[in-house]
C-alpha atoms as a PDB file:
ATOM      1  CA  MET A   1     -35.020-151.999-125.593  1.00  0.00           C
ATOM      2  CA  LYS A   2     -33.499-148.762-126.836  1.00  0.00           C
ATOM      3  CA  LYS A   3     -36.971-147.234-127.281  1.00  0.00           C
ATOM      4  CA  ARG A   4     -37.928-148.056-123.682  1.00  0.00           C
ATOM      5  CA  GLY A   5     -34.765-146.388-122.370  1.00  0.00           C
ATOM      6  CA  LEU A   6     -35.431-143.262-124.422  1.00  0.00           C
ATOM      7  CA  ALA A   7     -39.059-143.235-123.312  1.00  0.00           C
ATOM      8  CA  ALA A   8     -38.024-143.578-119.637  1.00  0.00           C
ATOM      9  CA  ALA A   9     -35.495-140.755-120.060  1.00  0.00           C
ATOM     10  CA  ALA A  10     -38.154-138.567-121.704  1.00  0.00           C
ATOM     11  CA  VAL A  11     -40.591-139.263-118.849  1.00  0.00           C
ATOM     12  CA  CYS A  12     -37.907-138.386-116.268  1.00  0.00           C
ATOM     13  CA  ILE A  13     -37.068-135.144-118.061  1.00  0.00           C
ATOM     14  CA  ALA A  14     -40.757-134.234-118.302  1.00  0.00           C
ATOM     15  CA  LEU A  15     -41.247-134.989-114.589  1.00  0.00           C
ATOM     16  CA  ILE A  16     -38.242-132.869-113.625  1.00  0.00           C
ATOM     17  CA  GLY A  17     -39.514-130.031-115.832  1.00  0.00           C
ATOM     18  CA  ALA A  18     -42.970-130.201-114.254  1.00  0.00           C
ATOM     19  CA  VAL A  19     -41.543-130.089-110.728  1.00  0.00           C
ATOM     20  CA  TRP A  20     -39.228-127.218-111.656  1.00  0.00           C
ATOM     21  CA  ALA A  21     -42.054-125.202-113.228  1.00  0.00           C
ATOM     22  CA  GLY A  22     -44.274-125.724-110.188  1.00  0.00           C
ATOM     23  CA  TRP A  23     -41.567-124.817-107.675  1.00  0.00           C
ATOM     24  CA  PRO A  24     -42.405-121.565-105.897  1.00  0.00           C
ATOM     25  CA  GLU A  25     -40.308-118.492-106.571  1.00  0.00           C
ATOM     26  CA  PRO A  26     -38.104-117.382-103.702  1.00  0.00           C
ATOM     27  CA  ALA A  27     -39.709-114.749-101.532  1.00  0.00           C
ATOM     28  CA  GLY A  28     -38.756-111.158-102.186  1.00  0.00           C
ATOM     29  CA  ASP A  29     -37.444-108.589 -99.769  1.00  0.00           C
ATOM     30  CA  GLN A  30     -39.804-107.131 -97.191  1.00  0.00           C
ATOM     31  CA  VAL A  31     -40.072-103.345 -97.277  1.00  0.00           C
ATOM     32  CA  TRP A  32     -41.748-101.011 -94.780  1.00  0.00           C
ATOM     33  CA  ALA A  33     -42.225 -97.284 -95.333  1.00  0.00           C
ATOM     34  CA  TYR A  34     -42.915 -94.556 -92.771  1.00  0.00           C
ATOM     35  CA  GLN A  35     -43.040 -90.783 -92.740  1.00  0.00           C
ATOM     36  CA  LYS A  36     -39.689 -89.038 -93.151  1.00  0.00           C
ATOM     37  CA  LEU A  37     -37.828 -88.378 -89.911  1.00  0.00           C
ATOM     38  CA  GLN A  38     -36.255 -85.140 -88.772  1.00  0.00           C
ATOM     39  CA  PRO A  39     -32.438 -85.413 -88.512  1.00  0.00           C
ATOM     40  CA  ALA A  40     -32.504 -85.600 -84.691  1.00  0.00           C
ATOM     41  CA  ASP A  41     -35.066 -88.421 -84.748  1.00  0.00           C
ATOM     42  CA  TYR A  42     -33.115 -90.276 -87.426  1.00  0.00           C
ATOM     43  CA  ARG A  43     -29.981 -90.051 -85.256  1.00  0.00           C
ATOM     44  CA  LEU A  44     -31.951 -91.722 -82.434  1.00  0.00           C
ATOM     45  CA  LEU A  45     -32.943 -94.558 -84.779  1.00  0.00           C
ATOM     46  CA  HIS A  46     -29.329 -94.881 -85.936  1.00  0.00           C
ATOM     47  CA  SER A  47     -28.165 -94.890 -82.320  1.00  0.00           C
ATOM     48  CA  ASP A  48     -30.580 -97.716 -81.487  1.00  0.00           C
ATOM     49  CA  ALA A  49     -29.183 -99.748 -84.386  1.00  0.00           C
ATOM     50  CA  LEU A  50     -25.626 -99.021 -83.238  1.00  0.00           C
ATOM     51  CA  GLY A  51     -26.490-100.269 -79.744  1.00  0.00           C
ATOM     52  CA  PHE A  52     -27.971-103.453 -81.174  1.00  0.00           C
ATOM     53  CA  VAL A  53     -24.909-104.105 -83.334  1.00  0.00           C
ATOM     54  CA  THR A  54     -22.473-103.319 -80.517  1.00  0.00           C
ATOM     55  CA  ALA A  55     -24.234-105.784 -78.214  1.00  0.00           C
ATOM     56  CA  LYS A  56     -24.128-108.477 -80.905  1.00  0.00           C
ATOM     57  CA  ALA A  57     -20.721-107.796 -82.448  1.00  0.00           C
ATOM     58  CA  ASP A  58     -19.389-111.150 -81.221  1.00  0.00           C
ATOM     59  CA  GLU A  59     -22.163-112.852 -83.230  1.00  0.00           C
ATOM     60  CA  GLY A  60     -20.997-111.212 -86.463  1.00  0.00           C
ATOM     61  CA  PHE A  61     -23.229-108.121 -86.656  1.00  0.00           C
ATOM     62  CA  GLU A  62     -21.831-104.898 -88.141  1.00  0.00           C
ATOM     63  CA  LEU A  63     -23.297-101.463 -88.916  1.00  0.00           C
ATOM     64  CA  HIS A  64     -22.243 -99.624 -92.079  1.00  0.00           C
ATOM     65  CA  THR A  65     -23.202 -96.022 -92.810  1.00  0.00           C
ATOM     66  CA  ARG A  66     -23.563 -95.732 -96.567  1.00  0.00           C
ATOM     67  CA  TYR A  67     -23.533 -91.983 -97.152  1.00  0.00           C
ATOM     68  CA  ALA A  68     -21.497 -89.205 -95.579  1.00  0.00           C
ATOM     69  CA  GLY A  69     -24.708 -87.301 -94.827  1.00  0.00           C
ATOM     70  CA  VAL A  70     -25.743 -90.146 -92.510  1.00  0.00           C
ATOM     71  CA  THR A  71     -29.078 -90.655 -94.224  1.00  0.00           C
ATOM     72  CA  SER A  72     -28.738 -94.393 -94.681  1.00  0.00           C
ATOM     73  CA  PHE A  73     -27.230 -97.369 -92.903  1.00  0.00           C
ATOM     74  CA  GLU A  74     -27.193-101.114 -93.260  1.00  0.00           C
ATOM     75  CA  ILE A  75     -26.725-103.932 -90.797  1.00  0.00           C
ATOM     76  CA  ARG A  76     -24.748-106.962 -91.872  1.00  0.00           C
ATOM     77  CA  CYS A  77     -24.470-110.397 -90.309  1.00  0.00           C
ATOM     78  CA  LYS A  78     -21.125-112.032 -91.076  1.00  0.00           C
ATOM     79  CA  GLY A  79     -20.747-109.724 -94.056  1.00  0.00           C
ATOM     80  CA  VAL A  80     -24.226-110.334 -95.522  1.00  0.00           C
ATOM     81  CA  LEU A  81     -26.909-107.609 -95.570  1.00  0.00           C
ATOM     82  CA  VAL A  82     -29.793-108.327 -93.162  1.00  0.00           C
ATOM     83  CA  MET A  83     -31.345-104.841 -92.858  1.00  0.00           C
ATOM     84  CA  ASP A  84     -31.176-101.599 -94.806  1.00  0.00           C
ATOM     85  CA  VAL A  85     -32.587 -98.332 -93.402  1.00  0.00           C
ATOM     86  CA  GLU A  86     -32.808 -95.128 -95.407  1.00  0.00           C
ATOM     87  CA  ASN A  87     -34.195 -91.739 -94.446  1.00  0.00           C
ATOM     88  CA  ALA A  88     -35.162 -90.977 -98.042  1.00  0.00           C
ATOM     89  CA  PRO A  89     -36.391 -87.521 -99.131  1.00  0.00           C
ATOM     90  CA  SER A  90     -40.037 -88.611 -98.939  1.00  0.00           C
ATOM     91  CA  ARG A  91     -40.075 -91.335 -96.236  1.00  0.00           C
ATOM     92  CA  VAL A  92     -38.123 -93.763 -94.084  1.00  0.00           C
ATOM     93  CA  LEU A  93     -37.625 -97.117 -95.790  1.00  0.00           C
ATOM     94  CA  ILE A  94     -36.708-100.283 -93.921  1.00  0.00           C
ATOM     95  CA  ARG A  95     -35.780-103.243 -96.117  1.00  0.00           C
ATOM     96  CA  VAL A  96     -35.135-106.760 -94.855  1.00  0.00           C
ATOM     97  CA  PRO A  97     -33.873-109.304 -97.420  1.00  0.00           C
ATOM     98  CA  ALA A  98     -35.831-112.531 -97.813  1.00  0.00           C
ATOM     99  CA  ASP A  99     -33.253-114.748 -96.096  1.00  0.00           C
ATOM    100  CA  ALA A 100     -32.512-112.350 -93.221  1.00  0.00           C
ATOM    101  CA  LEU A 101     -34.828-114.035 -90.707  1.00  0.00           C
ATOM    102  CA  THR A 102     -33.173-117.381 -91.377  1.00  0.00           C
ATOM    103  CA  ARG A 103     -29.676-115.910 -91.342  1.00  0.00           C
ATOM    104  CA  ALA A 104     -30.152-113.582 -88.330  1.00  0.00           C
ATOM    105  CA  PRO A 105     -33.450-114.100 -86.481  1.00  0.00           C
ATOM    106  CA  ASP A 106     -32.679-111.309 -83.982  1.00  0.00           C
ATOM    107  CA  ILE A 107     -32.974-108.728 -86.755  1.00  0.00           C
ATOM    108  CA  GLU A 108     -36.763-109.092 -86.530  1.00  0.00           C
ATOM    109  CA  ARG A 109     -36.690-107.872 -82.920  1.00  0.00           C
ATOM    110  CA  LEU A 110     -34.767-104.780 -83.988  1.00  0.00           C
ATOM    111  CA  ARG A 111     -37.190-104.146 -86.859  1.00  0.00           C
ATOM    112  CA  LEU A 112     -40.154-104.473 -84.502  1.00  0.00           C
ATOM    113  CA  SER A 113     -38.568-102.019 -82.057  1.00  0.00           C
ATOM    114  CA  PHE A 114     -38.075 -99.581 -84.964  1.00  0.00           C
ATOM    115  CA  GLU A 115     -41.710-100.069 -85.959  1.00  0.00           C
ATOM    116  CA  ARG A 116     -42.985 -99.411 -82.421  1.00  0.00           C
ATOM    117  CA  TRP A 117     -40.737 -96.356 -82.096  1.00  0.00           C
ATOM    118  CA  LEU A 118     -41.788 -94.948 -85.477  1.00  0.00           C
ATOM    119  CA  ASP A 119     -45.477 -95.540 -84.782  1.00  0.00           C
ATOM    120  CA  TYR A 120     -45.189 -93.883 -81.385  1.00  0.00           C
ATOM    121  CA  HIS A 121     -43.122 -90.865 -82.419  1.00  0.00           C
ATOM    122  CA  GLN A 122     -45.023 -89.985 -85.558  1.00  0.00           C
ATOM    123  CA  SER A 123     -48.449 -88.467 -85.335  1.00  0.00           C
ATOM    124  CA  GLN A 124     -49.559 -90.485 -88.346  1.00  0.00           C
ATOM    125  CA  GLY A 125     -46.886 -93.181 -88.204  1.00  0.00           C
ATOM    126  CA  ALA A 126     -49.028 -95.817 -89.864  1.00  0.00           C
ATOM    127  CA  LEU A 127     -47.449 -98.425 -92.045  1.00  0.00           C
ATOM    128  CA  LEU A 128     -47.604 -97.163 -95.622  1.00  0.00           C
ATOM    129  CA  VAL A 129     -46.195-100.088 -97.607  1.00  0.00           C
ATOM    130  CA  GLN A 130     -45.416-103.684 -96.776  1.00  0.00           C
ATOM    131  CA  SER A 131     -44.580-106.294 -99.371  1.00  0.00           C
ATOM    132  CA  ALA A 132     -45.350-109.950 -98.921  1.00  0.00           C
ATOM    133  CA  GLY A 133     -42.574-112.029 -97.438  1.00  0.00           C
ATOM    134  CA  THR A 134     -42.026-115.608 -96.510  1.00  0.00           C
ATOM    135  CA  SER A 135     -44.703-117.376 -94.543  1.00  0.00           C
ATOM    136  CA  TRP A 136     -43.874-118.799 -91.125  1.00  0.00           C
ATOM    137  CA  ILE A 137     -43.820-122.310 -92.579  1.00  0.00           C
ATOM    138  CA  GLU A 138     -41.335-121.291 -95.306  1.00  0.00           C
ATOM    139  CA  ALA A 139     -39.076-119.706 -92.698  1.00  0.00           C
ATOM    140  CA  LEU A 140     -39.293-122.813 -90.521  1.00  0.00           C
ATOM    141  CA  LEU A 141     -38.603-125.176 -93.416  1.00  0.00           C
ATOM    142  CA  GLY A 142     -35.756-122.946 -94.584  1.00  0.00           C
ATOM    143  CA  ARG A 143     -33.982-123.582 -91.291  1.00  0.00           C
ATOM    144  CA  PHE A 144     -34.331-127.339 -91.591  1.00  0.00           C
ATOM    145  CA  ILE A 145     -33.310-127.670 -95.226  1.00  0.00           C
ATOM    146  CA  GLY A 146     -30.210-125.562 -94.654  1.00  0.00           C
ATOM    147  CA  ALA A 147     -31.128-122.520 -96.734  1.00  0.00           C
ATOM    148  CA  VAL A 148     -28.324-120.675 -94.957  1.00  0.00           C
ATOM    149  CA  PRO A 149     -25.247-122.669 -93.910  1.00  0.00           C
ATOM    150  CA  ASP A 150     -24.714-122.756 -90.147  1.00  0.00           C
ATOM    151  CA  GLY A 151     -21.372-120.973 -90.459  1.00  0.00           C
ATOM    152  CA  GLN A 152     -23.107-117.987 -92.070  1.00  0.00           C
ATOM    153  CA  ARG A 153     -25.926-117.747 -89.542  1.00  0.00           C
ATOM    154  CA  CYS A 154     -25.844-115.266 -86.639  1.00  0.00           C
ATOM    155  CA  PRO A 155     -27.152-117.223 -83.661  1.00  0.00           C
ATOM    156  CA  THR A 156     -29.998-116.080 -81.466  1.00  0.00           C
ATOM    157  CA  ARG A 157     -29.339-115.768 -77.773  1.00  0.00           C
ATOM    158  CA  ALA A 158     -32.094-115.830 -75.228  1.00  0.00           C
END
């Protein structure tokens, strides 16, 4: 009887290990890179982000400028980073953490407006780098399995 119990426990442990090993890794951050902006153009991008955050302040959005030279800012939703924009020496980098679309779906609209603006205002504003992110099914399932607690989510308004 004792051997059967140990064998059942060993089978359960092996099954749990197999499921754990086969579980997909969480998706990484998405990063987009564009040509470096002139200071005046970067201020326009920053101003657009400030307008977005001001309109959604009651939903928990905040804008934080990271450096005194105003070369980088981040947008937070209820204190959690959902977008990071940097006018680096070589290019503009826009980073969106993996859980940002679940936490704050409206951030995608802002990112798309940045993308359209950057493509339009740069003579060769093509997308240089884009890392793989979550698939639409992962994002959908993430909402249903409670990947981000409702109290930490910034709601979307139509």
